[in-house]
Amino acid sequence: MIDSADTHVPILAAGGIVLREGARPRIAIVRLRRDKSWVLPKGKLNPGERALAAARREVLEETGHRVSVHGFLGSMLYSVDGRIKIVQFWHMRAIGGPMREPMDDVKAVKWLSLRQAIETLTRPHEKLFLANVGPVAIRAAKQSDSENRWIDHKGRRRGQGVQVAWTAH
């Protein structure tokens, strides 16, 4: 048996726990064409690519949505064909509607509640990961939303308790 150096080099990947804003946050999961599994949006880094850039690119390719990034959530490690795969995940929010169709490898995109997303995911390690980091992402999104009530469209703090007098023109 030949011991190849490649078997010891981990596979590096990145992705996002992508939330869509609304009264009830929804999380994106994607269905892969090749094996019909439901997974979190993620993919391998290109040579020389940074993990966060890869996460944004992969989420756009797999969900069709541009995203804003709101923090690192953690890493997931698992074995793939005898190699370790390390996937880094960020808390992301979809910006508006889809910008493009998902890539050909993706059959469908679903936006589900945290509970539904965990139940629908196919791979046990992804279910466990989302069960642990999903509540953190949702709490952060809710906290951010309540703080942003006092921020205007240019990022400036709005005055609280300011009185406005209407004038006739």
N, C-alpha and C. Protein backbone atom coordinates (compact mmCIF):
# COMPACT_ATOMS: atom_id res chain seq x y z
N MET A 1 0.84 -1.18 0.00
CA MET A 1 0.00 0.00 0.00
C MET A 1 0.88 1.24 0.00
N ILE A 2 0.59 2.17 -0.87
CA ILE A 2 1.36 3.41 -0.99
C ILE A 2 0.71 4.47 -0.11
N ASP A 3 1.53 5.12 0.69
CA ASP A 3 1.04 6.17 1.58
C ASP A 3 1.19 7.51 0.87
N SER A 4 0.15 7.97 0.28
CA SER A 4 0.18 9.23 -0.46
C SER A 4 0.07 10.42 0.48
N ALA A 5 0.82 11.47 0.20
CA ALA A 5 0.75 12.68 1.02
C ALA A 5 -0.64 13.31 0.94
N ASP A 6 -1.32 13.11 -0.19
CA ASP A 6 -2.66 13.69 -0.35
C ASP A 6 -3.67 13.13 0.64
N THR A 7 -3.48 11.90 1.10
CA THR A 7 -4.44 11.32 2.04
C THR A 7 -4.36 11.99 3.40
N HIS A 8 -3.25 12.69 3.67
CA HIS A 8 -3.08 13.36 4.96
C HIS A 8 -3.43 14.85 4.91
N VAL A 9 -3.63 15.38 3.72
CA VAL A 9 -3.99 16.78 3.58
C VAL A 9 -5.50 16.91 3.69
N PRO A 10 -5.99 17.73 4.64
CA PRO A 10 -7.45 17.85 4.78
C PRO A 10 -8.08 18.56 3.59
N ILE A 11 -9.34 18.25 3.35
CA ILE A 11 -10.14 18.95 2.35
C ILE A 11 -10.71 20.18 3.05
N LEU A 12 -10.47 21.35 2.50
CA LEU A 12 -10.95 22.58 3.12
C LEU A 12 -12.18 23.09 2.38
N ALA A 13 -13.20 23.44 3.15
CA ALA A 13 -14.46 23.92 2.57
C ALA A 13 -15.03 25.02 3.46
N ALA A 14 -16.02 25.73 2.94
CA ALA A 14 -16.66 26.81 3.70
C ALA A 14 -18.09 26.97 3.23
N GLY A 15 -18.91 27.51 4.13
CA GLY A 15 -20.32 27.70 3.79
C GLY A 15 -20.99 28.63 4.77
N GLY A 16 -22.31 28.65 4.69
CA GLY A 16 -23.06 29.57 5.54
C GLY A 16 -24.32 28.97 6.11
N ILE A 17 -24.64 29.43 7.31
CA ILE A 17 -25.97 29.24 7.87
C ILE A 17 -26.69 30.52 7.45
N VAL A 18 -27.48 30.40 6.38
CA VAL A 18 -28.06 31.57 5.72
C VAL A 18 -29.49 31.78 6.19
N LEU A 19 -29.74 32.97 6.75
CA LEU A 19 -31.07 33.31 7.24
C LEU A 19 -31.74 34.28 6.27
N ARG A 20 -33.03 34.11 6.12
CA ARG A 20 -33.85 35.07 5.39
C ARG A 20 -34.68 35.79 6.43
N GLU A 21 -34.63 37.11 6.39
CA GLU A 21 -35.31 37.90 7.41
C GLU A 21 -36.81 37.87 7.22
N GLY A 22 -37.49 38.14 8.31
CA GLY A 22 -38.93 38.16 8.32
C GLY A 22 -39.41 37.98 9.74
N ALA A 23 -40.71 37.91 9.92
CA ALA A 23 -41.26 37.73 11.26
C ALA A 23 -40.73 36.45 11.90
N ARG A 24 -40.58 35.42 11.09
CA ARG A 24 -39.99 34.16 11.57
C ARG A 24 -38.80 33.83 10.69
N PRO A 25 -37.59 33.83 11.26
CA PRO A 25 -36.40 33.56 10.44
C PRO A 25 -36.47 32.19 9.76
N ARG A 26 -35.97 32.14 8.54
CA ARG A 26 -35.91 30.91 7.77
C ARG A 26 -34.46 30.64 7.39
N ILE A 27 -34.08 29.36 7.37
CA ILE A 27 -32.72 28.94 7.07
C ILE A 27 -32.70 28.22 5.73
N ALA A 28 -31.69 28.52 4.92
CA ALA A 28 -31.56 27.90 3.60
C ALA A 28 -30.88 26.54 3.71
N ILE A 29 -31.49 25.55 3.04
CA ILE A 29 -30.84 24.27 2.82
C ILE A 29 -31.01 23.94 1.34
N VAL A 30 -30.10 23.14 0.80
CA VAL A 30 -30.13 22.84 -0.63
C VAL A 30 -30.18 21.34 -0.87
N ARG A 31 -30.81 20.96 -1.97
CA ARG A 31 -30.89 19.54 -2.34
C ARG A 31 -29.93 19.31 -3.50
N LEU A 32 -29.03 18.38 -3.30
CA LEU A 32 -28.05 18.05 -4.33
C LEU A 32 -28.65 17.10 -5.36
N ARG A 33 -28.32 17.31 -6.63
CA ARG A 33 -28.82 16.45 -7.70
C ARG A 33 -28.25 15.04 -7.64
N ARG A 34 -26.93 14.94 -7.38
CA ARG A 34 -26.25 13.64 -7.53
C ARG A 34 -26.78 12.57 -6.59
N ASP A 35 -27.09 12.93 -5.35
CA ASP A 35 -27.56 11.90 -4.41
C ASP A 35 -28.88 12.28 -3.72
N LYS A 36 -29.46 13.38 -4.16
CA LYS A 36 -30.75 13.86 -3.64
C LYS A 36 -30.73 14.17 -2.14
N SER A 37 -29.54 14.41 -1.58
CA SER A 37 -29.46 14.72 -0.15
C SER A 37 -29.72 16.21 0.08
N TRP A 38 -30.28 16.53 1.24
CA TRP A 38 -30.49 17.90 1.68
C TRP A 38 -29.31 18.28 2.56
N VAL A 39 -28.63 19.39 2.22
CA VAL A 39 -27.42 19.79 2.92
C VAL A 39 -27.40 21.30 3.17
N LEU A 40 -26.48 21.72 4.01
CA LEU A 40 -26.23 23.15 4.20
C LEU A 40 -25.41 23.65 3.00
N PRO A 41 -25.62 24.89 2.57
CA PRO A 41 -24.84 25.41 1.43
C PRO A 41 -23.37 25.57 1.80
N LYS A 42 -22.51 24.90 1.04
CA LYS A 42 -21.07 24.91 1.31
C LYS A 42 -20.34 24.33 0.12
N GLY A 43 -19.02 24.48 0.12
CA GLY A 43 -18.22 23.88 -0.94
C GLY A 43 -16.74 24.07 -0.69
N LYS A 44 -15.94 23.41 -1.51
CA LYS A 44 -14.48 23.43 -1.36
C LYS A 44 -13.89 24.78 -1.74
N LEU A 45 -12.81 25.11 -1.06
CA LEU A 45 -12.05 26.31 -1.39
C LEU A 45 -11.27 26.07 -2.68
N ASN A 46 -11.20 27.10 -3.52
CA ASN A 46 -10.32 27.06 -4.68
C ASN A 46 -8.89 27.30 -4.21
N PRO A 47 -7.88 26.87 -4.96
CA PRO A 47 -6.50 27.11 -4.55
C PRO A 47 -6.25 28.60 -4.29
N GLY A 48 -5.69 28.92 -3.12
CA GLY A 48 -5.37 30.29 -2.75
C GLY A 48 -6.55 31.11 -2.26
N GLU A 49 -7.76 30.55 -2.28
CA GLU A 49 -8.96 31.28 -1.88
C GLU A 49 -9.08 31.27 -0.35
N ARG A 50 -9.48 32.38 0.21
CA ARG A 50 -9.74 32.46 1.65
C ARG A 50 -11.10 31.84 1.95
N ALA A 51 -11.22 31.32 3.17
CA ALA A 51 -12.45 30.60 3.56
C ALA A 51 -13.69 31.47 3.47
N LEU A 52 -13.64 32.72 3.94
CA LEU A 52 -14.83 33.57 3.90
C LEU A 52 -15.24 33.88 2.46
N ALA A 53 -14.27 34.14 1.59
CA ALA A 53 -14.59 34.39 0.18
C ALA A 53 -15.23 33.15 -0.44
N ALA A 54 -14.71 31.98 -0.10
CA ALA A 54 -15.29 30.73 -0.62
C ALA A 54 -16.71 30.53 -0.10
N ALA A 55 -16.94 30.87 1.17
CA ALA A 55 -18.28 30.71 1.75
C ALA A 55 -19.28 31.59 1.01
N ARG A 56 -18.93 32.85 0.77
CA ARG A 56 -19.82 33.75 0.02
C ARG A 56 -20.09 33.20 -1.39
N ARG A 57 -19.02 32.78 -2.07
CA ARG A 57 -19.14 32.27 -3.44
C ARG A 57 -20.02 31.02 -3.48
N GLU A 58 -19.76 30.08 -2.58
CA GLU A 58 -20.53 28.84 -2.56
C GLU A 58 -22.00 29.08 -2.25
N VAL A 59 -22.28 29.98 -1.31
CA VAL A 59 -23.68 30.28 -0.97
C VAL A 59 -24.39 30.90 -2.17
N LEU A 60 -23.73 31.82 -2.87
CA LEU A 60 -24.33 32.41 -4.08
C LEU A 60 -24.56 31.33 -5.14
N GLU A 61 -23.57 30.48 -5.36
CA GLU A 61 -23.70 29.42 -6.38
C GLU A 61 -24.82 28.44 -6.04
N GLU A 62 -24.95 28.10 -4.76
CA GLU A 62 -25.90 27.05 -4.38
C GLU A 62 -27.30 27.56 -4.06
N THR A 63 -27.43 28.80 -3.59
CA THR A 63 -28.76 29.33 -3.26
C THR A 63 -29.23 30.38 -4.25
N GLY A 64 -28.30 31.00 -4.96
CA GLY A 64 -28.64 32.10 -5.87
C GLY A 64 -28.71 33.44 -5.17
N HIS A 65 -28.46 33.49 -3.86
CA HIS A 65 -28.57 34.74 -3.09
C HIS A 65 -27.22 35.33 -2.73
N ARG A 66 -27.13 36.65 -2.87
CA ARG A 66 -26.01 37.38 -2.28
C ARG A 66 -26.30 37.46 -0.80
N VAL A 67 -25.24 37.56 0.02
CA VAL A 67 -25.42 37.56 1.46
C VAL A 67 -24.56 38.62 2.13
N SER A 68 -24.99 39.02 3.32
CA SER A 68 -24.14 39.80 4.22
C SER A 68 -23.68 38.82 5.30
N VAL A 69 -22.46 39.04 5.79
CA VAL A 69 -21.87 38.12 6.78
C VAL A 69 -21.94 38.77 8.15
N HIS A 70 -22.38 37.99 9.14
CA HIS A 70 -22.59 38.53 10.49
C HIS A 70 -21.82 37.78 11.56
N GLY A 71 -20.78 37.06 11.20
CA GLY A 71 -19.94 36.43 12.20
C GLY A 71 -19.67 34.97 11.92
N PHE A 72 -18.56 34.51 12.47
CA PHE A 72 -18.15 33.12 12.33
C PHE A 72 -18.93 32.27 13.33
N LEU A 73 -19.43 31.12 12.88
CA LEU A 73 -20.23 30.25 13.75
C LEU A 73 -19.49 29.01 14.22
N GLY A 74 -18.52 28.54 13.46
CA GLY A 74 -17.79 27.36 13.88
C GLY A 74 -17.37 26.50 12.71
N SER A 75 -16.68 25.42 13.05
CA SER A 75 -16.18 24.48 12.05
C SER A 75 -16.75 23.09 12.30
N MET A 76 -16.88 22.35 11.23
CA MET A 76 -17.37 20.98 11.29
C MET A 76 -16.30 20.11 10.63
N LEU A 77 -15.94 19.01 11.26
CA LEU A 77 -14.96 18.08 10.71
C LEU A 77 -15.59 16.71 10.56
N TYR A 78 -15.32 16.07 9.43
CA TYR A 78 -15.81 14.71 9.22
C TYR A 78 -14.95 14.04 8.17
N SER A 79 -15.09 12.74 8.04
CA SER A 79 -14.27 11.96 7.13
C SER A 79 -14.99 11.78 5.79
N VAL A 80 -14.22 11.96 4.70
CA VAL A 80 -14.73 11.73 3.35
C VAL A 80 -13.70 10.86 2.63
N ASP A 81 -14.05 9.63 2.32
CA ASP A 81 -13.15 8.72 1.61
C ASP A 81 -11.77 8.64 2.27
N GLY A 82 -11.76 8.54 3.59
CA GLY A 82 -10.50 8.40 4.31
C GLY A 82 -9.74 9.68 4.56
N ARG A 83 -10.28 10.81 4.13
CA ARG A 83 -9.65 12.11 4.36
C ARG A 83 -10.52 12.93 5.28
N ILE A 84 -9.90 13.81 6.03
CA ILE A 84 -10.65 14.72 6.90
C ILE A 84 -11.09 15.92 6.08
N LYS A 85 -12.36 16.28 6.23
CA LYS A 85 -12.89 17.49 5.59
C LYS A 85 -13.21 18.47 6.70
N ILE A 86 -12.71 19.69 6.55
CA ILE A 86 -12.95 20.75 7.53
C ILE A 86 -13.78 21.83 6.84
N VAL A 87 -14.97 22.08 7.38
CA VAL A 87 -15.87 23.08 6.80
C VAL A 87 -16.06 24.19 7.82
N GLN A 88 -15.74 25.43 7.42
CA GLN A 88 -15.97 26.59 8.27
C GLN A 88 -17.29 27.24 7.86
N PHE A 89 -18.08 27.64 8.87
CA PHE A 89 -19.39 28.24 8.60
C PHE A 89 -19.51 29.62 9.20
N TRP A 90 -20.17 30.51 8.45
CA TRP A 90 -20.48 31.86 8.92
C TRP A 90 -21.98 32.05 9.00
N HIS A 91 -22.39 32.93 9.91
CA HIS A 91 -23.78 33.38 10.00
C HIS A 91 -23.96 34.39 8.87
N MET A 92 -24.91 34.15 7.99
CA MET A 92 -25.16 35.01 6.84
C MET A 92 -26.63 35.34 6.74
N ARG A 93 -26.90 36.47 6.09
CA ARG A 93 -28.28 36.84 5.79
C ARG A 93 -28.43 37.10 4.31
N ALA A 94 -29.48 36.57 3.74
CA ALA A 94 -29.76 36.79 2.32
C ALA A 94 -30.10 38.26 2.11
N ILE A 95 -29.56 38.82 1.04
CA ILE A 95 -29.85 40.20 0.67
C ILE A 95 -30.86 40.17 -0.47
N GLY A 96 -32.08 40.60 -0.18
CA GLY A 96 -33.12 40.63 -1.21
C GLY A 96 -33.46 39.24 -1.74
N GLY A 97 -33.94 39.23 -2.97
CA GLY A 97 -34.32 37.97 -3.61
C GLY A 97 -33.14 37.34 -4.32
N PRO A 98 -33.37 36.20 -4.95
CA PRO A 98 -32.27 35.53 -5.64
C PRO A 98 -31.72 36.38 -6.78
N MET A 99 -30.39 36.35 -6.92
CA MET A 99 -29.71 37.10 -7.97
C MET A 99 -29.52 36.25 -9.23
N ARG A 100 -29.59 34.95 -9.05
CA ARG A 100 -29.35 34.01 -10.15
C ARG A 100 -29.95 32.66 -9.78
N GLU A 101 -29.99 31.78 -10.75
CA GLU A 101 -30.42 30.41 -10.51
C GLU A 101 -29.29 29.67 -9.79
N PRO A 102 -29.65 28.72 -8.91
CA PRO A 102 -28.59 27.91 -8.30
C PRO A 102 -27.83 27.12 -9.37
N MET A 103 -26.61 26.74 -9.03
CA MET A 103 -25.78 25.97 -9.96
C MET A 103 -26.45 24.64 -10.32
N ASP A 104 -26.00 24.01 -11.39
CA ASP A 104 -26.61 22.78 -11.88
C ASP A 104 -26.57 21.63 -10.87
N ASP A 105 -25.58 21.63 -9.97
CA ASP A 105 -25.47 20.55 -8.97
C ASP A 105 -26.61 20.59 -7.95
N VAL A 106 -27.31 21.74 -7.87
CA VAL A 106 -28.37 21.92 -6.88
C VAL A 106 -29.72 21.78 -7.55
N LYS A 107 -30.52 20.87 -7.01
CA LYS A 107 -31.86 20.62 -7.57
C LYS A 107 -32.90 21.59 -7.00
N ALA A 108 -32.75 21.95 -5.70
CA ALA A 108 -33.75 22.81 -5.06
C ALA A 108 -33.14 23.53 -3.86
N VAL A 109 -33.76 24.65 -3.52
CA VAL A 109 -33.42 25.42 -2.32
C VAL A 109 -34.69 25.54 -1.50
N LYS A 110 -34.59 25.26 -0.20
CA LYS A 110 -35.73 25.43 0.70
C LYS A 110 -35.35 26.40 1.80
N TRP A 111 -36.32 27.21 2.22
CA TRP A 111 -36.16 28.12 3.36
C TRP A 111 -37.09 27.61 4.45
N LEU A 112 -36.50 27.10 5.52
CA LEU A 112 -37.27 26.43 6.57
C LEU A 112 -36.98 27.01 7.95
N SER A 113 -37.91 26.75 8.87
CA SER A 113 -37.64 27.10 10.26
C SER A 113 -36.45 26.26 10.73
N LEU A 114 -35.84 26.65 11.83
CA LEU A 114 -34.70 25.91 12.35
C LEU A 114 -35.08 24.44 12.58
N ARG A 115 -36.19 24.20 13.23
CA ARG A 115 -36.62 22.83 13.51
C ARG A 115 -36.81 22.04 12.21
N GLN A 116 -37.51 22.63 11.24
CA GLN A 116 -37.74 21.95 9.97
C GLN A 116 -36.43 21.68 9.22
N ALA A 117 -35.51 22.64 9.27
CA ALA A 117 -34.22 22.48 8.58
C ALA A 117 -33.45 21.32 9.19
N ILE A 118 -33.40 21.26 10.51
CA ILE A 118 -32.69 20.16 11.18
C ILE A 118 -33.31 18.83 10.80
N GLU A 119 -34.64 18.75 10.81
CA GLU A 119 -35.33 17.50 10.46
C GLU A 119 -35.11 17.10 9.01
N THR A 120 -35.00 18.07 8.11
CA THR A 120 -34.90 17.80 6.68
C THR A 120 -33.49 17.45 6.23
N LEU A 121 -32.47 18.01 6.89
CA LEU A 121 -31.09 17.70 6.51
C LEU A 121 -30.88 16.19 6.49
N THR A 122 -30.13 15.70 5.53
CA THR A 122 -29.92 14.27 5.34
C THR A 122 -28.79 13.73 6.20
N ARG A 123 -27.73 14.48 6.33
CA ARG A 123 -26.52 13.98 6.99
C ARG A 123 -26.54 14.26 8.49
N PRO A 124 -26.35 13.22 9.32
CA PRO A 124 -26.42 13.40 10.78
C PRO A 124 -25.47 14.45 11.33
N HIS A 125 -24.25 14.54 10.78
CA HIS A 125 -23.31 15.53 11.31
C HIS A 125 -23.77 16.96 11.01
N GLU A 126 -24.47 17.18 9.92
CA GLU A 126 -25.01 18.51 9.62
C GLU A 126 -26.21 18.82 10.51
N LYS A 127 -27.04 17.82 10.78
CA LYS A 127 -28.17 18.01 11.70
C LYS A 127 -27.65 18.47 13.07
N LEU A 128 -26.64 17.76 13.58
CA LEU A 128 -26.07 18.07 14.88
C LEU A 128 -25.44 19.45 14.90
N PHE A 129 -24.69 19.77 13.84
CA PHE A 129 -24.04 21.08 13.76
C PHE A 129 -25.10 22.19 13.76
N LEU A 130 -26.12 22.07 12.92
CA LEU A 130 -27.16 23.10 12.85
C LEU A 130 -27.94 23.21 14.16
N ALA A 131 -28.16 22.07 14.82
CA ALA A 131 -28.87 22.11 16.11
C ALA A 131 -28.07 22.91 17.13
N ASN A 132 -26.74 22.92 17.01
CA ASN A 132 -25.90 23.65 17.95
C ASN A 132 -25.70 25.11 17.57
N VAL A 133 -25.49 25.40 16.29
CA VAL A 133 -25.19 26.79 15.91
C VAL A 133 -26.41 27.56 15.41
N GLY A 134 -27.46 26.86 14.99
CA GLY A 134 -28.66 27.54 14.49
C GLY A 134 -29.28 28.49 15.50
N PRO A 135 -29.47 28.06 16.75
CA PRO A 135 -30.04 28.98 17.74
C PRO A 135 -29.17 30.22 17.97
N VAL A 136 -27.86 30.07 17.89
CA VAL A 136 -26.94 31.20 18.05
C VAL A 136 -27.17 32.21 16.92
N ALA A 137 -27.27 31.71 15.69
CA ALA A 137 -27.48 32.59 14.53
C ALA A 137 -28.83 33.30 14.62
N ILE A 138 -29.86 32.59 15.03
CA ILE A 138 -31.19 33.20 15.13
C ILE A 138 -31.23 34.25 16.24
N ARG A 139 -30.63 33.95 17.40
CA ARG A 139 -30.57 34.95 18.48
C ARG A 139 -29.81 36.19 18.03
N ALA A 140 -28.69 36.00 17.36
CA ALA A 140 -27.90 37.13 16.88
C ALA A 140 -28.69 37.96 15.88
N ALA A 141 -29.45 37.30 15.01
CA ALA A 141 -30.25 38.02 14.02
C ALA A 141 -31.34 38.83 14.70
N LYS A 142 -32.00 38.23 15.70
CA LYS A 142 -33.07 38.95 16.42
C LYS A 142 -32.50 40.14 17.19
N GLN A 143 -31.35 39.94 17.82
CA GLN A 143 -30.72 41.03 18.56
C GLN A 143 -30.31 42.15 17.61
N SER A 144 -29.73 41.79 16.50
CA SER A 144 -29.31 42.77 15.50
C SER A 144 -30.51 43.53 14.96
N ASP A 145 -31.61 42.81 14.70
CA ASP A 145 -32.82 43.47 14.20
C ASP A 145 -33.36 44.48 15.20
N SER A 146 -33.37 44.14 16.49
CA SER A 146 -33.90 45.08 17.48
C SER A 146 -32.97 46.28 17.64
N GLU A 147 -31.65 46.07 17.52
CA GLU A 147 -30.72 47.20 17.59
C GLU A 147 -30.84 48.08 16.36
N ASN A 148 -31.11 47.47 15.20
CA ASN A 148 -31.17 48.23 13.95
C ASN A 148 -32.43 49.07 13.81
N ARG A 149 -33.40 48.90 14.72
CA ARG A 149 -34.59 49.75 14.66
C ARG A 149 -34.18 51.22 14.80
N TRP A 150 -33.07 51.47 15.47
CA TRP A 150 -32.64 52.84 15.74
C TRP A 150 -31.53 53.29 14.82
N ILE A 151 -31.31 52.57 13.70
CA ILE A 151 -30.30 52.93 12.71
C ILE A 151 -31.02 53.29 11.42
N ASP A 152 -30.65 54.46 10.83
CA ASP A 152 -31.31 54.85 9.59
C ASP A 152 -30.64 54.17 8.39
N HIS A 153 -31.13 54.44 7.18
CA HIS A 153 -30.65 53.76 5.99
C HIS A 153 -29.20 54.08 5.64
N LYS A 154 -28.63 55.13 6.25
CA LYS A 154 -27.22 55.48 6.01
C LYS A 154 -26.32 55.00 7.14
N GLY A 155 -26.87 54.22 8.06
CA GLY A 155 -26.08 53.67 9.15
C GLY A 155 -25.92 54.61 10.34
N ARG A 156 -26.66 55.74 10.35
CA ARG A 156 -26.58 56.68 11.47
C ARG A 156 -27.64 56.35 12.50
N ARG A 157 -27.31 56.62 13.74
CA ARG A 157 -28.23 56.35 14.84
C ARG A 157 -29.40 57.33 14.78
N ARG A 158 -30.62 56.79 14.84
CA ARG A 158 -31.82 57.63 14.88
C ARG A 158 -32.03 58.12 16.30
N GLY A 159 -32.60 59.31 16.41
CA GLY A 159 -32.92 59.83 17.73
C GLY A 159 -34.13 59.12 18.30
N GLN A 160 -34.04 58.80 19.58
CA GLN A 160 -35.18 58.17 20.23
C GLN A 160 -35.99 59.27 20.90
N GLY A 161 -37.28 59.23 20.77
CA GLY A 161 -38.13 60.23 21.40
C GLY A 161 -38.13 61.58 20.69
N VAL A 162 -37.66 61.63 19.46
CA VAL A 162 -37.64 62.88 18.72
C VAL A 162 -39.06 63.20 18.29
N GLN A 163 -39.45 64.47 18.47
CA GLN A 163 -40.78 64.87 18.03
C GLN A 163 -40.68 65.51 16.66
N VAL A 164 -41.61 65.18 15.82
CA VAL A 164 -41.62 65.70 14.46
C VAL A 164 -42.85 66.62 14.32
N ALA A 165 -42.61 67.82 13.83
CA ALA A 165 -43.71 68.74 13.59
C ALA A 165 -43.97 68.78 12.09
N TRP A 166 -45.20 68.50 11.69
CA TRP A 166 -45.56 68.52 10.29
C TRP A 166 -45.76 69.94 9.83
N THR A 167 -45.30 70.23 8.65
CA THR A 167 -45.50 71.58 8.10
C THR A 167 -46.21 71.48 6.77
N ALA A 168 -46.99 72.48 6.46
CA ALA A 168 -47.70 72.51 5.18
C ALA A 168 -46.80 73.14 4.13
N HIS A 169 -46.81 72.61 2.93
CA HIS A 169 -45.97 73.15 1.84
C HIS A 169 -46.85 73.75 0.79
